[in-house]
Amino acid sequence: MNTHEKLAALEECMDIEPGSLQPDMKLEDIEEWDSLAALSYVVLMGDEFKKTVRATQIRDFKTVQDILDTMKPDE
């Protein structure tokens, strides 16, 4: 999955317009990044990447790039 596809998946989790997110955006500035979006992200990670995400990991996210960095299969 390339960066564009990851951004599209994240935009779907947040239920926002395609092309709205950029890697350098701060999550605190994105109104749609809420508990429901975080839950959708957890489901995405399990379904798409077979990874379990902990709440502490999500709380540490500051930017969209922080999320994108986790979106890869376990090695």
C-alpha atoms as a PDB file:
ATOM      1  CA  MET A   1       0.000   0.000   0.000  1.00  0.00           C
ATOM      2  CA  ASN A   2       1.493   3.318  -1.048  1.00  0.00           C
ATOM      3  CA  THR A   3       1.126   6.658   0.743  1.00  0.00           C
ATOM      4  CA  HIS A   4      -1.782   7.775  -1.435  1.00  0.00           C
ATOM      5  CA  GLU A   5      -3.688   4.568  -0.653  1.00  0.00           C
ATOM      6  CA  LYS A   6      -2.912   4.893   3.062  1.00  0.00           C
ATOM      7  CA  LEU A   7      -4.179   8.477   3.090  1.00  0.00           C
ATOM      8  CA  ALA A   8      -7.340   7.371   1.270  1.00  0.00           C
ATOM      9  CA  ALA A   9      -7.941   4.626   3.853  1.00  0.00           C
ATOM     10  CA  LEU A  10      -7.407   7.095   6.682  1.00  0.00           C
ATOM     11  CA  GLU A  11      -9.760   9.614   5.053  1.00  0.00           C
ATOM     12  CA  GLU A  12     -12.361   6.855   4.888  1.00  0.00           C
ATOM     13  CA  CYS A  13     -11.830   6.123   8.604  1.00  0.00           C
ATOM     14  CA  MET A  14     -12.460   9.796   9.343  1.00  0.00           C
ATOM     15  CA  ASP A  15     -15.316  10.019   6.833  1.00  0.00           C
ATOM     16  CA  ILE A  16     -13.799  13.061   5.132  1.00  0.00           C
ATOM     17  CA  GLU A  17     -13.405  14.182   1.559  1.00  0.00           C
ATOM     18  CA  PRO A  18     -10.779  12.276  -0.467  1.00  0.00           C
ATOM     19  CA  GLY A  19      -7.613  14.321  -0.855  1.00  0.00           C
ATOM     20  CA  SER A  20      -8.203  16.236   2.391  1.00  0.00           C
ATOM     21  CA  LEU A  21      -5.285  14.841   4.396  1.00  0.00           C
ATOM     22  CA  GLN A  22      -1.593  15.594   4.141  1.00  0.00           C
ATOM     23  CA  PRO A  23       1.117  13.774   6.122  1.00  0.00           C
ATOM     24  CA  ASP A  24       2.277  16.914   7.943  1.00  0.00           C
ATOM     25  CA  MET A  25      -1.200  17.795   9.297  1.00  0.00           C
ATOM     26  CA  LYS A  26      -1.561  17.855  13.081  1.00  0.00           C
ATOM     27  CA  LEU A  27      -4.296  15.559  14.364  1.00  0.00           C
ATOM     28  CA  GLU A  28      -5.405  18.145  16.926  1.00  0.00           C
ATOM     29  CA  ASP A  29      -6.351  20.394  13.977  1.00  0.00           C
ATOM     30  CA  ILE A  30      -8.524  17.720  12.327  1.00  0.00           C
ATOM     31  CA  GLU A  31     -12.025  17.839  13.774  1.00  0.00           C
ATOM     32  CA  GLU A  32     -12.872  14.420  12.326  1.00  0.00           C
ATOM     33  CA  TRP A  33     -10.054  12.695  14.248  1.00  0.00           C
ATOM     34  CA  ASP A  34     -12.153  11.521  17.165  1.00  0.00           C
ATOM     35  CA  SER A  35     -12.817   8.309  19.068  1.00  0.00           C
ATOM     36  CA  LEU A  36     -14.941   6.887  16.244  1.00  0.00           C
ATOM     37  CA  ALA A  37     -12.191   7.567  13.692  1.00  0.00           C
ATOM     38  CA  ALA A  38      -9.641   5.993  16.040  1.00  0.00           C
ATOM     39  CA  LEU A  39     -11.844   2.905  16.365  1.00  0.00           C
ATOM     40  CA  SER A  40     -12.156   2.711  12.565  1.00  0.00           C
ATOM     41  CA  TYR A  41      -8.355   2.938  12.368  1.00  0.00           C
ATOM     42  CA  VAL A  42      -8.021   0.010  14.835  1.00  0.00           C
ATOM     43  CA  VAL A  43     -10.376  -2.084  12.689  1.00  0.00           C
ATOM     44  CA  LEU A  44      -8.478  -1.132   9.525  1.00  0.00           C
ATOM     45  CA  MET A  45      -5.177  -2.138  11.076  1.00  0.00           C
ATOM     46  CA  GLY A  46      -6.580  -5.515  12.097  1.00  0.00           C
ATOM     47  CA  ASP A  47      -8.294  -6.231   8.790  1.00  0.00           C
ATOM     48  CA  GLU A  48      -5.745  -4.832   6.356  1.00  0.00           C
ATOM     49  CA  PHE A  49      -2.445  -5.269   8.172  1.00  0.00           C
ATOM     50  CA  LYS A  50      -3.202  -7.994  10.750  1.00  0.00           C
ATOM     51  CA  LYS A  51      -1.891  -5.735  13.512  1.00  0.00           C
ATOM     52  CA  THR A  52      -3.248  -4.981  16.951  1.00  0.00           C
ATOM     53  CA  VAL A  53      -3.121  -1.339  17.983  1.00  0.00           C
ATOM     54  CA  ARG A  54      -3.038  -0.252  21.607  1.00  0.00           C
ATOM     55  CA  ALA A  55      -4.743   2.841  22.959  1.00  0.00           C
ATOM     56  CA  THR A  56      -1.375   4.149  24.158  1.00  0.00           C
ATOM     57  CA  GLN A  57      -0.102   4.083  20.580  1.00  0.00           C
ATOM     58  CA  ILE A  58      -3.081   6.095  19.379  1.00  0.00           C
ATOM     59  CA  ARG A  59      -2.668   8.664  22.167  1.00  0.00           C
ATOM     60  CA  ASP A  60       0.947   9.193  21.055  1.00  0.00           C
ATOM     61  CA  PHE A  61      -0.065  10.158  17.498  1.00  0.00           C
ATOM     62  CA  LYS A  62       0.551  13.844  16.804  1.00  0.00           C
ATOM     63  CA  THR A  63       0.421  14.022  12.992  1.00  0.00           C
ATOM     64  CA  VAL A  64      -1.117  12.133  10.101  1.00  0.00           C
ATOM     65  CA  GLN A  65       2.400  10.893   9.317  1.00  0.00           C
ATOM     66  CA  ASP A  66       2.559   9.221  12.729  1.00  0.00           C
ATOM     67  CA  ILE A  67      -0.462   7.153  11.732  1.00  0.00           C
ATOM     68  CA  LEU A  68       0.869   6.443   8.251  1.00  0.00           C
ATOM     69  CA  ASP A  69       4.100   5.126   9.745  1.00  0.00           C
ATOM     70  CA  THR A  70       2.138   2.360  11.507  1.00  0.00           C
ATOM     71  CA  MET A  71       0.305   1.288   8.386  1.00  0.00           C
ATOM     72  CA  LYS A  72       2.509  -1.543   7.243  1.00  0.00           C
ATOM     73  CA  PRO A  73       2.302  -5.292   7.738  1.00  0.00           C
ATOM     74  CA  ASP A  74       4.229  -6.910  10.572  1.00  0.00           C
ATOM     75  CA  GLU A  75       7.580  -8.145   9.416  1.00  0.00           C
END
